Amino acid sequence: MSEKKIYKPQFHKLISEWVSLLWQHLGVVVILSAIGFFGSAPIITGGIIFIGLYNYTKLLVGKELALREDFTSAIKEKWKSATALFLLIFIVLAIIVFDLYFFWNFTVRIFFWVGIWFAIIFMMGAIYMFPMLADQDVGLKKIITRSFRMALIDPLFSFVVALFSLLWVALCIVIIPMLATLCLAGLGLWTNIAYREMVLKVDSILAQKDEKQDSDLE
């Protein structure tokens, strides 16, 4: 029996697919980004808007028909988990930013670099959380643990995806403000693509394990 190969995400193909989706759904991306920006301005509503946005962009990535009801239904079904997740990510990021500022200015610099390392690990897991919440009907604890486990299956890929996500947000908000009209929905498309690729990799690993177990039993 031939051994199945483990799936390997190819970053350059992801970039090409992402740009293509942005162009194909430009109008929708602008509308979703505007809804995301204004809807999440009161921080407490950020999670509600994000889960609708991520569910909608998940369908676009999967080349499925996406309707307004797909946005609202995700909000109705998962608003509690989405709100808790959004607030958790927001609080952790706020703590990280404060700690990095404090460590850089008032303590030994080694603590700053430890904080950077922690921030990188956190971002590697955080990029998969909302795509996973949109895709799976599981509790918040499982979303968090599975996201970090997924990130550590391919840490280099997850690091590059997280870095690109941060660069995209910086590009939209700081460098080219005009791109802010594409920011949040563009981020949703990007992280949903990355999540799909990691799901394929996890599935291929599990399939290989099952095949090996079956061959051991023969």
N, C-alpha and C. Protein backbone atom coordinates (compact mmCIF):
# COMPACT_ATOMS: atom_id res chain seq x y z
N MET A 1 0.85 -1.19 0.00
CA MET A 1 0.00 0.00 0.00
C MET A 1 0.88 1.25 0.00
N SER A 2 0.62 2.17 -0.92
CA SER A 2 1.44 3.37 -1.02
C SER A 2 1.08 4.34 0.10
N GLU A 3 2.10 4.95 0.66
CA GLU A 3 1.90 5.87 1.77
C GLU A 3 1.47 7.24 1.24
N LYS A 4 0.41 7.78 1.82
CA LYS A 4 -0.07 9.09 1.40
C LYS A 4 0.88 10.18 1.87
N LYS A 5 1.08 11.15 1.01
CA LYS A 5 1.97 12.26 1.35
C LYS A 5 1.24 13.28 2.21
N ILE A 6 2.00 13.92 3.09
CA ILE A 6 1.44 14.98 3.92
C ILE A 6 1.31 16.24 3.07
N TYR A 7 0.16 16.87 3.14
CA TYR A 7 -0.12 18.06 2.36
C TYR A 7 0.78 19.21 2.82
N LYS A 8 1.33 19.94 1.87
CA LYS A 8 2.20 21.08 2.18
C LYS A 8 1.64 22.35 1.55
N PRO A 9 1.18 23.29 2.38
CA PRO A 9 0.69 24.56 1.83
C PRO A 9 1.80 25.31 1.10
N GLN A 10 1.46 25.90 -0.01
CA GLN A 10 2.43 26.67 -0.80
C GLN A 10 2.06 28.15 -0.72
N PHE A 11 2.91 28.91 -0.07
CA PHE A 11 2.58 30.29 0.27
C PHE A 11 2.31 31.15 -0.96
N HIS A 12 3.11 30.96 -2.01
CA HIS A 12 2.94 31.82 -3.19
C HIS A 12 1.58 31.57 -3.87
N LYS A 13 1.09 30.34 -3.79
CA LYS A 13 -0.22 30.05 -4.37
C LYS A 13 -1.34 30.67 -3.54
N LEU A 14 -1.12 30.73 -2.24
CA LEU A 14 -2.10 31.37 -1.36
C LEU A 14 -2.22 32.86 -1.66
N ILE A 15 -1.07 33.49 -1.88
CA ILE A 15 -1.07 34.92 -2.22
C ILE A 15 -1.84 35.15 -3.51
N SER A 16 -1.56 34.32 -4.51
CA SER A 16 -2.23 34.45 -5.80
C SER A 16 -3.74 34.27 -5.67
N GLU A 17 -4.16 33.26 -4.89
CA GLU A 17 -5.59 33.02 -4.69
C GLU A 17 -6.23 34.17 -3.94
N TRP A 18 -5.54 34.69 -2.95
CA TRP A 18 -6.07 35.79 -2.15
C TRP A 18 -6.28 37.05 -3.00
N VAL A 19 -5.29 37.39 -3.81
CA VAL A 19 -5.41 38.56 -4.68
C VAL A 19 -6.56 38.36 -5.67
N SER A 20 -6.68 37.15 -6.20
CA SER A 20 -7.76 36.85 -7.13
C SER A 20 -9.14 37.02 -6.48
N LEU A 21 -9.28 36.53 -5.25
CA LEU A 21 -10.55 36.66 -4.53
C LEU A 21 -10.86 38.12 -4.21
N LEU A 22 -9.84 38.87 -3.83
CA LEU A 22 -10.03 40.31 -3.58
C LEU A 22 -10.58 41.01 -4.82
N TRP A 23 -10.01 40.68 -5.97
CA TRP A 23 -10.43 41.33 -7.21
C TRP A 23 -11.82 40.87 -7.64
N GLN A 24 -12.08 39.57 -7.54
CA GLN A 24 -13.37 39.03 -7.96
C GLN A 24 -14.53 39.57 -7.12
N HIS A 25 -14.27 39.77 -5.84
CA HIS A 25 -15.34 40.18 -4.91
C HIS A 25 -15.06 41.56 -4.33
N LEU A 26 -14.52 42.44 -5.14
CA LEU A 26 -14.06 43.75 -4.66
C LEU A 26 -15.19 44.54 -3.99
N GLY A 27 -16.34 44.57 -4.64
CA GLY A 27 -17.47 45.32 -4.07
C GLY A 27 -17.89 44.77 -2.72
N VAL A 28 -17.99 43.45 -2.63
CA VAL A 28 -18.39 42.80 -1.38
C VAL A 28 -17.34 43.05 -0.30
N VAL A 29 -16.06 42.99 -0.68
CA VAL A 29 -14.97 43.21 0.27
C VAL A 29 -15.05 44.62 0.85
N VAL A 30 -15.31 45.60 0.01
CA VAL A 30 -15.42 46.99 0.49
C VAL A 30 -16.59 47.13 1.46
N ILE A 31 -17.74 46.54 1.11
CA ILE A 31 -18.92 46.63 1.98
C ILE A 31 -18.68 45.94 3.31
N LEU A 32 -18.13 44.72 3.25
CA LEU A 32 -17.86 43.97 4.48
C LEU A 32 -16.85 44.69 5.36
N SER A 33 -15.83 45.27 4.75
CA SER A 33 -14.82 46.00 5.53
C SER A 33 -15.43 47.22 6.21
N ALA A 34 -16.32 47.91 5.49
CA ALA A 34 -16.99 49.08 6.09
C ALA A 34 -17.87 48.66 7.25
N ILE A 35 -18.62 47.58 7.06
CA ILE A 35 -19.47 47.06 8.14
C ILE A 35 -18.60 46.65 9.33
N GLY A 36 -17.50 45.97 9.02
CA GLY A 36 -16.59 45.53 10.08
C GLY A 36 -15.99 46.69 10.85
N PHE A 37 -15.59 47.74 10.12
CA PHE A 37 -14.95 48.89 10.76
C PHE A 37 -15.92 49.64 11.66
N PHE A 38 -17.07 50.02 11.10
CA PHE A 38 -18.03 50.80 11.89
C PHE A 38 -18.75 49.94 12.92
N GLY A 39 -19.00 48.68 12.57
CA GLY A 39 -19.72 47.80 13.50
C GLY A 39 -18.90 47.41 14.71
N SER A 40 -17.58 47.39 14.55
CA SER A 40 -16.73 46.99 15.68
C SER A 40 -16.11 48.19 16.39
N ALA A 41 -16.51 49.40 16.00
CA ALA A 41 -16.00 50.60 16.69
C ALA A 41 -16.32 50.56 18.18
N PRO A 42 -17.57 50.23 18.56
CA PRO A 42 -17.78 49.91 19.98
C PRO A 42 -17.19 48.51 20.21
N ILE A 43 -16.14 48.40 20.98
CA ILE A 43 -15.39 47.15 21.09
C ILE A 43 -16.27 45.97 21.44
N ILE A 44 -17.30 46.20 22.22
CA ILE A 44 -18.16 45.11 22.69
C ILE A 44 -18.88 44.42 21.53
N THR A 45 -19.08 45.13 20.41
CA THR A 45 -19.77 44.53 19.26
C THR A 45 -18.81 43.94 18.23
N GLY A 46 -17.50 44.03 18.51
CA GLY A 46 -16.51 43.56 17.53
C GLY A 46 -16.66 42.09 17.18
N GLY A 47 -16.83 41.25 18.20
CA GLY A 47 -16.95 39.82 17.95
C GLY A 47 -18.17 39.47 17.12
N ILE A 48 -19.28 40.17 17.38
CA ILE A 48 -20.51 39.91 16.65
C ILE A 48 -20.32 40.18 15.16
N ILE A 49 -19.69 41.32 14.85
CA ILE A 49 -19.45 41.67 13.45
C ILE A 49 -18.43 40.74 12.83
N PHE A 50 -17.40 40.40 13.58
CA PHE A 50 -16.33 39.56 13.04
C PHE A 50 -16.83 38.17 12.65
N ILE A 51 -17.70 37.57 13.46
CA ILE A 51 -18.15 36.21 13.13
C ILE A 51 -19.01 36.22 11.87
N GLY A 52 -19.80 37.28 11.68
CA GLY A 52 -20.55 37.39 10.43
C GLY A 52 -19.63 37.56 9.24
N LEU A 53 -18.62 38.42 9.41
CA LEU A 53 -17.65 38.67 8.34
C LEU A 53 -16.86 37.41 8.00
N TYR A 54 -16.40 36.71 9.02
CA TYR A 54 -15.59 35.51 8.78
C TYR A 54 -16.41 34.38 8.18
N ASN A 55 -17.67 34.27 8.57
CA ASN A 55 -18.52 33.24 7.98
C ASN A 55 -18.78 33.53 6.51
N TYR A 56 -18.98 34.79 6.19
CA TYR A 56 -19.24 35.19 4.80
C TYR A 56 -18.00 34.97 3.93
N THR A 57 -16.84 35.40 4.42
CA THR A 57 -15.61 35.23 3.64
C THR A 57 -15.21 33.75 3.53
N LYS A 58 -15.58 32.96 4.53
CA LYS A 58 -15.34 31.51 4.44
C LYS A 58 -16.04 30.92 3.22
N LEU A 59 -17.27 31.36 2.98
CA LEU A 59 -18.02 30.88 1.82
C LEU A 59 -17.40 31.36 0.52
N LEU A 60 -16.89 32.59 0.51
CA LEU A 60 -16.23 33.10 -0.69
C LEU A 60 -14.97 32.29 -1.00
N VAL A 61 -14.21 31.95 0.04
CA VAL A 61 -13.01 31.13 -0.15
C VAL A 61 -13.37 29.75 -0.68
N GLY A 62 -14.46 29.21 -0.17
CA GLY A 62 -14.92 27.88 -0.62
C GLY A 62 -15.66 27.91 -1.93
N LYS A 63 -15.75 29.12 -2.55
CA LYS A 63 -16.45 29.30 -3.83
C LYS A 63 -17.90 28.84 -3.74
N GLU A 64 -18.51 29.11 -2.60
CA GLU A 64 -19.91 28.80 -2.38
C GLU A 64 -20.74 30.07 -2.51
N LEU A 65 -22.05 29.88 -2.70
CA LEU A 65 -22.95 31.03 -2.78
C LEU A 65 -23.06 31.66 -1.40
N ALA A 66 -22.71 32.93 -1.29
CA ALA A 66 -22.77 33.64 -0.02
C ALA A 66 -23.90 34.67 -0.07
N LEU A 67 -24.82 34.59 0.89
CA LEU A 67 -25.96 35.48 0.94
C LEU A 67 -25.93 36.32 2.21
N ARG A 68 -26.76 37.35 2.24
CA ARG A 68 -26.83 38.19 3.43
C ARG A 68 -27.20 37.37 4.66
N GLU A 69 -28.04 36.36 4.45
CA GLU A 69 -28.47 35.52 5.56
C GLU A 69 -27.31 34.75 6.19
N ASP A 70 -26.26 34.47 5.40
CA ASP A 70 -25.09 33.77 5.94
C ASP A 70 -24.34 34.66 6.94
N PHE A 71 -24.40 35.94 6.72
CA PHE A 71 -23.79 36.90 7.65
C PHE A 71 -24.60 36.96 8.94
N THR A 72 -25.90 37.13 8.80
CA THR A 72 -26.75 37.31 9.98
C THR A 72 -26.95 36.01 10.76
N SER A 73 -27.02 34.87 10.05
CA SER A 73 -27.24 33.61 10.75
C SER A 73 -26.05 33.25 11.64
N ALA A 74 -24.84 33.54 11.17
CA ALA A 74 -23.65 33.28 12.00
C ALA A 74 -23.68 34.13 13.26
N ILE A 75 -24.16 35.37 13.13
CA ILE A 75 -24.26 36.24 14.30
C ILE A 75 -25.26 35.68 15.30
N LYS A 76 -26.42 35.24 14.80
CA LYS A 76 -27.45 34.71 15.69
C LYS A 76 -26.99 33.45 16.42
N GLU A 77 -26.26 32.60 15.71
CA GLU A 77 -25.87 31.31 16.28
C GLU A 77 -24.65 31.40 17.21
N LYS A 78 -23.72 32.33 16.91
CA LYS A 78 -22.43 32.28 17.62
C LYS A 78 -22.02 33.61 18.24
N TRP A 79 -22.98 34.49 18.48
CA TRP A 79 -22.60 35.82 18.96
C TRP A 79 -21.96 35.78 20.34
N LYS A 80 -22.39 34.86 21.19
CA LYS A 80 -21.81 34.79 22.54
C LYS A 80 -20.34 34.36 22.49
N SER A 81 -20.08 33.27 21.77
CA SER A 81 -18.70 32.79 21.66
C SER A 81 -17.82 33.80 20.94
N ALA A 82 -18.37 34.42 19.89
CA ALA A 82 -17.60 35.39 19.11
C ALA A 82 -17.25 36.62 19.95
N THR A 83 -18.20 37.08 20.75
CA THR A 83 -17.94 38.24 21.61
C THR A 83 -16.87 37.92 22.65
N ALA A 84 -16.98 36.75 23.27
CA ALA A 84 -15.99 36.34 24.27
C ALA A 84 -14.61 36.19 23.64
N LEU A 85 -14.54 35.61 22.45
CA LEU A 85 -13.27 35.41 21.77
C LEU A 85 -12.65 36.74 21.37
N PHE A 86 -13.45 37.63 20.83
CA PHE A 86 -12.94 38.94 20.40
C PHE A 86 -12.39 39.72 21.60
N LEU A 87 -13.13 39.73 22.69
CA LEU A 87 -12.68 40.46 23.88
C LEU A 87 -11.42 39.85 24.46
N LEU A 88 -11.33 38.51 24.42
CA LEU A 88 -10.14 37.83 24.92
C LEU A 88 -8.91 38.22 24.09
N ILE A 89 -9.05 38.17 22.76
CA ILE A 89 -7.94 38.54 21.88
C ILE A 89 -7.56 40.00 22.09
N PHE A 90 -8.56 40.86 22.20
CA PHE A 90 -8.32 42.29 22.39
C PHE A 90 -7.57 42.54 23.70
N ILE A 91 -7.99 41.91 24.77
CA ILE A 91 -7.36 42.11 26.08
C ILE A 91 -5.91 41.60 26.07
N VAL A 92 -5.71 40.41 25.49
CA VAL A 92 -4.36 39.85 25.43
C VAL A 92 -3.44 40.74 24.61
N LEU A 93 -3.93 41.22 23.47
CA LEU A 93 -3.11 42.10 22.63
C LEU A 93 -2.79 43.41 23.35
N ALA A 94 -3.78 43.94 24.09
CA ALA A 94 -3.55 45.18 24.85
C ALA A 94 -2.48 44.96 25.92
N ILE A 95 -2.54 43.82 26.59
CA ILE A 95 -1.54 43.50 27.61
C ILE A 95 -0.15 43.36 26.98
N ILE A 96 -0.10 42.68 25.84
CA ILE A 96 1.18 42.50 25.15
C ILE A 96 1.79 43.84 24.76
N VAL A 97 0.98 44.72 24.17
CA VAL A 97 1.48 46.03 23.75
C VAL A 97 1.98 46.82 24.96
N PHE A 98 1.21 46.82 26.04
CA PHE A 98 1.64 47.55 27.25
C PHE A 98 2.93 46.97 27.80
N ASP A 99 3.01 45.63 27.87
CA ASP A 99 4.20 44.99 28.41
C ASP A 99 5.44 45.29 27.56
N LEU A 100 5.27 45.24 26.24
CA LEU A 100 6.41 45.53 25.36
C LEU A 100 6.89 46.97 25.56
N TYR A 101 5.97 47.89 25.68
CA TYR A 101 6.34 49.29 25.93
C TYR A 101 7.06 49.43 27.27
N PHE A 102 6.51 48.76 28.28
CA PHE A 102 7.10 48.84 29.62
C PHE A 102 8.49 48.20 29.64
N PHE A 103 8.60 47.00 29.04
CA PHE A 103 9.89 46.30 29.05
C PHE A 103 10.96 47.08 28.29
N TRP A 104 10.59 47.73 27.20
CA TRP A 104 11.56 48.46 26.38
C TRP A 104 12.07 49.71 27.10
N ASN A 105 11.18 50.33 27.86
CA ASN A 105 11.54 51.62 28.45
C ASN A 105 12.00 51.56 29.91
N PHE A 106 11.56 50.55 30.65
CA PHE A 106 11.79 50.59 32.09
C PHE A 106 12.48 49.36 32.68
N THR A 107 12.78 48.35 31.89
CA THR A 107 13.41 47.15 32.43
C THR A 107 14.56 46.71 31.52
N VAL A 108 15.12 45.58 31.88
CA VAL A 108 16.18 44.99 31.06
C VAL A 108 15.59 44.57 29.72
N ARG A 109 16.30 44.84 28.63
CA ARG A 109 15.77 44.61 27.28
C ARG A 109 15.47 43.13 26.99
N ILE A 110 16.08 42.23 27.74
CA ILE A 110 15.83 40.81 27.48
C ILE A 110 14.36 40.48 27.68
N PHE A 111 13.70 41.19 28.61
CA PHE A 111 12.27 40.95 28.82
C PHE A 111 11.45 41.39 27.61
N PHE A 112 11.92 42.43 26.94
CA PHE A 112 11.24 42.89 25.73
C PHE A 112 11.25 41.80 24.66
N TRP A 113 12.41 41.15 24.47
CA TRP A 113 12.51 40.13 23.44
C TRP A 113 11.75 38.87 23.82
N VAL A 114 11.66 38.58 25.11
CA VAL A 114 10.80 37.47 25.56
C VAL A 114 9.35 37.80 25.24
N GLY A 115 8.97 39.07 25.44
CA GLY A 115 7.61 39.51 25.11
C GLY A 115 7.32 39.40 23.62
N ILE A 116 8.31 39.73 22.80
CA ILE A 116 8.15 39.59 21.34
C ILE A 116 7.91 38.14 20.97
N TRP A 117 8.69 37.25 21.59
CA TRP A 117 8.51 35.82 21.33
C TRP A 117 7.11 35.36 21.70
N PHE A 118 6.61 35.80 22.85
CA PHE A 118 5.26 35.45 23.28
C PHE A 118 4.22 36.02 22.31
N ALA A 119 4.43 37.26 21.88
CA ALA A 119 3.49 37.89 20.94
C ALA A 119 3.42 37.12 19.63
N ILE A 120 4.57 36.64 19.15
CA ILE A 120 4.60 35.87 17.90
C ILE A 120 3.81 34.57 18.05
N ILE A 121 4.04 33.86 19.16
CA ILE A 121 3.32 32.61 19.41
C ILE A 121 1.82 32.86 19.48
N PHE A 122 1.45 33.93 20.18
CA PHE A 122 0.02 34.24 20.31
C PHE A 122 -0.61 34.55 18.95
N MET A 123 0.06 35.35 18.14
CA MET A 123 -0.49 35.71 16.83
C MET A 123 -0.59 34.50 15.91
N MET A 124 0.36 33.58 16.03
CA MET A 124 0.32 32.37 15.21
C MET A 124 -0.93 31.54 15.48
N GLY A 125 -1.38 31.54 16.73
CA GLY A 125 -2.61 30.82 17.06
C GLY A 125 -3.85 31.65 16.78
N ALA A 126 -3.77 32.96 17.06
CA ALA A 126 -4.94 33.82 16.95
C ALA A 126 -5.48 33.92 15.53
N ILE A 127 -4.60 33.81 14.53
CA ILE A 127 -5.05 33.95 13.14
C ILE A 127 -6.04 32.85 12.73
N TYR A 128 -6.02 31.72 13.44
CA TYR A 128 -6.92 30.62 13.09
C TYR A 128 -8.21 30.60 13.91
N MET A 129 -8.31 31.45 14.93
CA MET A 129 -9.43 31.33 15.88
C MET A 129 -10.77 31.68 15.28
N PHE A 130 -10.89 32.84 14.63
CA PHE A 130 -12.19 33.19 14.05
C PHE A 130 -12.55 32.33 12.84
N PRO A 131 -11.59 31.99 11.95
CA PRO A 131 -11.95 31.02 10.90
C PRO A 131 -12.44 29.69 11.46
N MET A 132 -11.82 29.23 12.54
CA MET A 132 -12.23 27.97 13.15
C MET A 132 -13.61 28.10 13.80
N LEU A 133 -13.86 29.23 14.46
CA LEU A 133 -15.16 29.47 15.07
C LEU A 133 -16.26 29.51 14.02
N ALA A 134 -15.96 30.09 12.86
CA ALA A 134 -16.93 30.13 11.77
C ALA A 134 -17.17 28.76 11.16
N ASP A 135 -16.16 27.89 11.24
CA ASP A 135 -16.22 26.59 10.57
C ASP A 135 -16.74 25.47 11.45
N GLN A 136 -16.50 25.56 12.76
CA GLN A 136 -16.81 24.45 13.66
C GLN A 136 -17.79 24.87 14.75
N ASP A 137 -18.60 23.92 15.18
CA ASP A 137 -19.53 24.16 16.28
C ASP A 137 -18.98 23.53 17.56
N VAL A 138 -17.97 24.17 18.12
CA VAL A 138 -17.35 23.70 19.35
C VAL A 138 -17.21 24.87 20.31
N GLY A 139 -16.89 24.54 21.56
CA GLY A 139 -16.77 25.57 22.58
C GLY A 139 -15.53 26.43 22.43
N LEU A 140 -15.52 27.52 23.18
CA LEU A 140 -14.44 28.49 23.09
C LEU A 140 -13.10 27.87 23.50
N LYS A 141 -13.11 27.05 24.54
CA LYS A 141 -11.87 26.43 25.01
C LYS A 141 -11.24 25.57 23.93
N LYS A 142 -12.07 24.80 23.21
CA LYS A 142 -11.55 23.96 22.13
C LYS A 142 -11.06 24.80 20.96
N ILE A 143 -11.74 25.90 20.67
CA ILE A 143 -11.29 26.79 19.60
C ILE A 143 -9.88 27.29 19.89
N ILE A 144 -9.64 27.70 21.11
CA ILE A 144 -8.33 28.25 21.48
C ILE A 144 -7.25 27.18 21.44
N THR A 145 -7.51 26.02 22.07
CA THR A 145 -6.50 24.96 22.12
C THR A 145 -6.22 24.39 20.73
N ARG A 146 -7.26 24.19 19.95
CA ARG A 146 -7.06 23.64 18.60
C ARG A 146 -6.33 24.62 17.70
N SER A 147 -6.57 25.90 17.87
CA SER A 147 -5.89 26.91 17.05
C SER A 147 -4.39 26.90 17.30
N PHE A 148 -3.99 26.82 18.56
CA PHE A 148 -2.56 26.79 18.87
C PHE A 148 -1.93 25.47 18.44
N ARG A 149 -2.65 24.37 18.60
CA ARG A 149 -2.13 23.08 18.14
C ARG A 149 -1.96 23.09 16.63
N MET A 150 -2.92 23.69 15.92
CA MET A 150 -2.84 23.79 14.47
C MET A 150 -1.64 24.63 14.06
N ALA A 151 -1.42 25.74 14.77
CA ALA A 151 -0.29 26.62 14.45
C ALA A 151 1.04 25.89 14.61
N LEU A 152 1.14 25.06 15.63
CA LEU A 152 2.41 24.39 15.92
C LEU A 152 2.65 23.17 15.04
N ILE A 153 1.64 22.73 14.30
CA ILE A 153 1.84 21.64 13.34
C ILE A 153 2.77 22.10 12.22
N ASP A 154 2.60 23.36 11.82
CA ASP A 154 3.50 23.95 10.80
C ASP A 154 3.84 25.36 11.26
N PRO A 155 4.77 25.49 12.22
CA PRO A 155 5.06 26.81 12.80
C PRO A 155 5.61 27.82 11.81
N LEU A 156 6.40 27.37 10.84
CA LEU A 156 6.95 28.32 9.87
C LEU A 156 5.83 28.92 9.01
N PHE A 157 4.94 28.07 8.52
CA PHE A 157 3.81 28.55 7.72
C PHE A 157 2.94 29.50 8.54
N SER A 158 2.64 29.11 9.78
CA SER A 158 1.79 29.94 10.64
C SER A 158 2.45 31.27 10.95
N PHE A 159 3.77 31.26 11.13
CA PHE A 159 4.50 32.50 11.39
C PHE A 159 4.41 33.43 10.18
N VAL A 160 4.61 32.89 9.00
CA VAL A 160 4.57 33.71 7.78
C VAL A 160 3.16 34.26 7.56
N VAL A 161 2.15 33.44 7.81
CA VAL A 161 0.76 33.88 7.66
C VAL A 161 0.46 35.00 8.65
N ALA A 162 0.89 34.84 9.90
CA ALA A 162 0.67 35.86 10.92
C ALA A 162 1.41 37.16 10.56
N LEU A 163 2.64 37.02 10.08
CA LEU A 163 3.43 38.19 9.69
C LEU A 163 2.76 38.93 8.53
N PHE A 164 2.29 38.17 7.54
CA PHE A 164 1.62 38.79 6.40
C PHE A 164 0.33 39.48 6.86
N SER A 165 -0.37 38.89 7.81
CA SER A 165 -1.60 39.49 8.33
C SER A 165 -1.30 40.84 8.97
N LEU A 166 -0.23 40.89 9.79
CA LEU A 166 0.15 42.14 10.43
C LEU A 166 0.58 43.19 9.41
N LEU A 167 1.34 42.75 8.39
CA LEU A 167 1.78 43.67 7.34
C LEU A 167 0.59 44.22 6.56
N TRP A 168 -0.40 43.38 6.30
CA TRP A 168 -1.60 43.81 5.58
C TRP A 168 -2.35 44.88 6.38
N VAL A 169 -2.54 44.64 7.67
CA VAL A 169 -3.23 45.63 8.51
C VAL A 169 -2.44 46.93 8.57
N ALA A 170 -1.11 46.83 8.73
CA ALA A 170 -0.26 48.02 8.77
C ALA A 170 -0.32 48.78 7.44
N LEU A 171 -0.30 48.03 6.34
CA LEU A 171 -0.37 48.64 5.01
C LEU A 171 -1.67 49.41 4.83
N CYS A 172 -2.76 48.83 5.30
CA CYS A 172 -4.08 49.44 5.12
C CYS A 172 -4.28 50.66 6.01
N ILE A 173 -3.78 50.60 7.23
CA ILE A 173 -4.08 51.64 8.20
C ILE A 173 -3.01 52.73 8.26
N VAL A 174 -1.75 52.33 8.15
CA VAL A 174 -0.65 53.28 8.36
C VAL A 174 -0.05 53.77 7.04
N ILE A 175 0.27 52.85 6.15
CA ILE A 175 1.05 53.21 4.96
C ILE A 175 0.17 53.73 3.82
N ILE A 176 -0.88 52.99 3.49
CA ILE A 176 -1.78 53.40 2.41
C ILE A 176 -3.21 53.40 2.95
N PRO A 177 -3.63 54.47 3.62
CA PRO A 177 -4.95 54.50 4.25
C PRO A 177 -6.11 54.21 3.30
N MET A 178 -5.91 54.46 2.00
CA MET A 178 -6.97 54.18 1.03
C MET A 178 -7.36 52.71 1.04
N LEU A 179 -6.40 51.83 1.37
CA LEU A 179 -6.66 50.39 1.40
C LEU A 179 -7.49 49.98 2.61
N ALA A 180 -7.76 50.92 3.51
CA ALA A 180 -8.58 50.60 4.69
C ALA A 180 -9.96 50.08 4.28
N THR A 181 -10.40 50.47 3.08
CA THR A 181 -11.70 49.99 2.58
C THR A 181 -11.68 48.50 2.28
N LEU A 182 -10.48 47.90 2.24
CA LEU A 182 -10.36 46.46 1.97
C LEU A 182 -9.85 45.69 3.19
N CYS A 183 -9.54 46.40 4.26
CA CYS A 183 -8.72 45.82 5.34
C CYS A 183 -9.34 44.58 5.99
N LEU A 184 -10.48 44.72 6.62
CA LEU A 184 -11.01 43.63 7.45
C LEU A 184 -11.48 42.44 6.64
N ALA A 185 -12.20 42.69 5.54
CA ALA A 185 -12.64 41.58 4.70
C ALA A 185 -11.46 40.92 4.01
N GLY A 186 -10.46 41.74 3.64
CA GLY A 186 -9.24 41.16 3.07
C GLY A 186 -8.54 40.26 4.06
N LEU A 187 -8.50 40.68 5.33
CA LEU A 187 -7.93 39.86 6.39
C LEU A 187 -8.75 38.58 6.58
N GLY A 188 -10.07 38.71 6.51
CA GLY A 188 -10.94 37.53 6.64
C GLY A 188 -10.69 36.52 5.53
N LEU A 189 -10.57 37.00 4.30
CA LEU A 189 -10.26 36.10 3.18
C LEU A 189 -8.92 35.42 3.39
N TRP A 190 -7.92 36.20 3.78
CA TRP A 190 -6.57 35.68 3.92
C TRP A 190 -6.49 34.59 5.00
N THR A 191 -7.02 34.88 6.17
CA THR A 191 -6.92 33.91 7.26
C THR A 191 -7.82 32.69 7.03
N ASN A 192 -8.91 32.87 6.32
CA ASN A 192 -9.74 31.71 5.96
C ASN A 192 -9.02 30.79 4.98
N ILE A 193 -8.28 31.38 4.04
CA ILE A 193 -7.48 30.59 3.11
C ILE A 193 -6.40 29.82 3.88
N ALA A 194 -5.70 30.51 4.77
CA ALA A 194 -4.65 29.87 5.57
C ALA A 194 -5.23 28.75 6.43
N TYR A 195 -6.38 29.00 7.03
CA TYR A 195 -7.04 27.97 7.86
C TYR A 195 -7.40 26.75 7.03
N ARG A 196 -7.95 26.98 5.84
CA ARG A 196 -8.29 25.85 4.96
C ARG A 196 -7.06 25.01 4.63
N GLU A 197 -5.94 25.68 4.35
CA GLU A 197 -4.71 24.96 4.03
C GLU A 197 -4.22 24.12 5.21
N MET A 198 -4.33 24.66 6.41
CA MET A 198 -3.90 23.91 7.58
C MET A 198 -4.85 22.75 7.88
N VAL A 199 -6.13 22.92 7.60
CA VAL A 199 -7.08 21.81 7.75
C VAL A 199 -6.71 20.67 6.80
N LEU A 200 -6.36 21.02 5.58
CA LEU A 200 -5.92 20.00 4.61
C LEU A 200 -4.67 19.29 5.10
N LYS A 201 -3.75 20.03 5.70
CA LYS A 201 -2.52 19.41 6.20
C LYS A 201 -2.82 18.48 7.38
N VAL A 202 -3.66 18.94 8.30
CA VAL A 202 -4.03 18.11 9.46
C VAL A 202 -4.73 16.84 8.99
N ASP A 203 -5.65 16.98 8.04
CA ASP A 203 -6.37 15.81 7.51
C ASP A 203 -5.41 14.82 6.85
N SER A 204 -4.40 15.32 6.14
CA SER A 204 -3.45 14.43 5.49
C SER A 204 -2.59 13.69 6.51
N ILE A 205 -2.26 14.37 7.61
CA ILE A 205 -1.48 13.73 8.69
C ILE A 205 -2.30 12.63 9.34
N LEU A 206 -3.57 12.92 9.62
CA LEU A 206 -4.45 11.92 10.24
C LEU A 206 -4.68 10.74 9.30
N ALA A 207 -4.83 11.02 8.00
CA ALA A 207 -5.02 9.94 7.02
C ALA A 207 -3.80 9.05 6.95
N GLN A 208 -2.62 9.66 7.04
CA GLN A 208 -1.38 8.88 7.01
C GLN A 208 -1.27 7.99 8.25
N LYS A 209 -1.67 8.53 9.40
CA LYS A 209 -1.63 7.74 10.63
C LYS A 209 -2.60 6.55 10.55
N ASP A 210 -3.80 6.81 10.03
CA ASP A 210 -4.79 5.74 9.88
C ASP A 210 -4.29 4.66 8.94
N GLU A 211 -3.66 5.09 7.85
CA GLU A 211 -3.12 4.13 6.88
C GLU A 211 -2.02 3.29 7.50
N LYS A 212 -1.19 3.92 8.31
CA LYS A 212 -0.10 3.19 8.97
C LYS A 212 -0.64 2.18 9.96
N GLN A 213 -1.68 2.57 10.70
CA GLN A 213 -2.28 1.65 11.66
C GLN A 213 -2.91 0.45 10.96
N ASP A 214 -3.57 0.74 9.82
CA ASP A 214 -4.19 -0.36 9.07
C ASP A 214 -3.14 -1.32 8.54
N SER A 215 -2.02 -0.76 8.07
CA SER A 215 -0.96 -1.63 7.54
C SER A 215 -0.30 -2.45 8.65
N ASP A 216 -0.23 -1.90 9.86
CA ASP A 216 0.34 -2.64 10.99
C ASP A 216 -0.54 -3.80 11.41
N LEU A 217 -1.84 -3.66 11.18
CA LEU A 217 -2.77 -4.71 11.56
C LEU A 217 -2.82 -5.85 10.55
N GLU A 218 -2.36 -5.57 9.34
CA GLU A 218 -2.40 -6.61 8.30
C GLU A 218 -1.31 -7.67 8.49
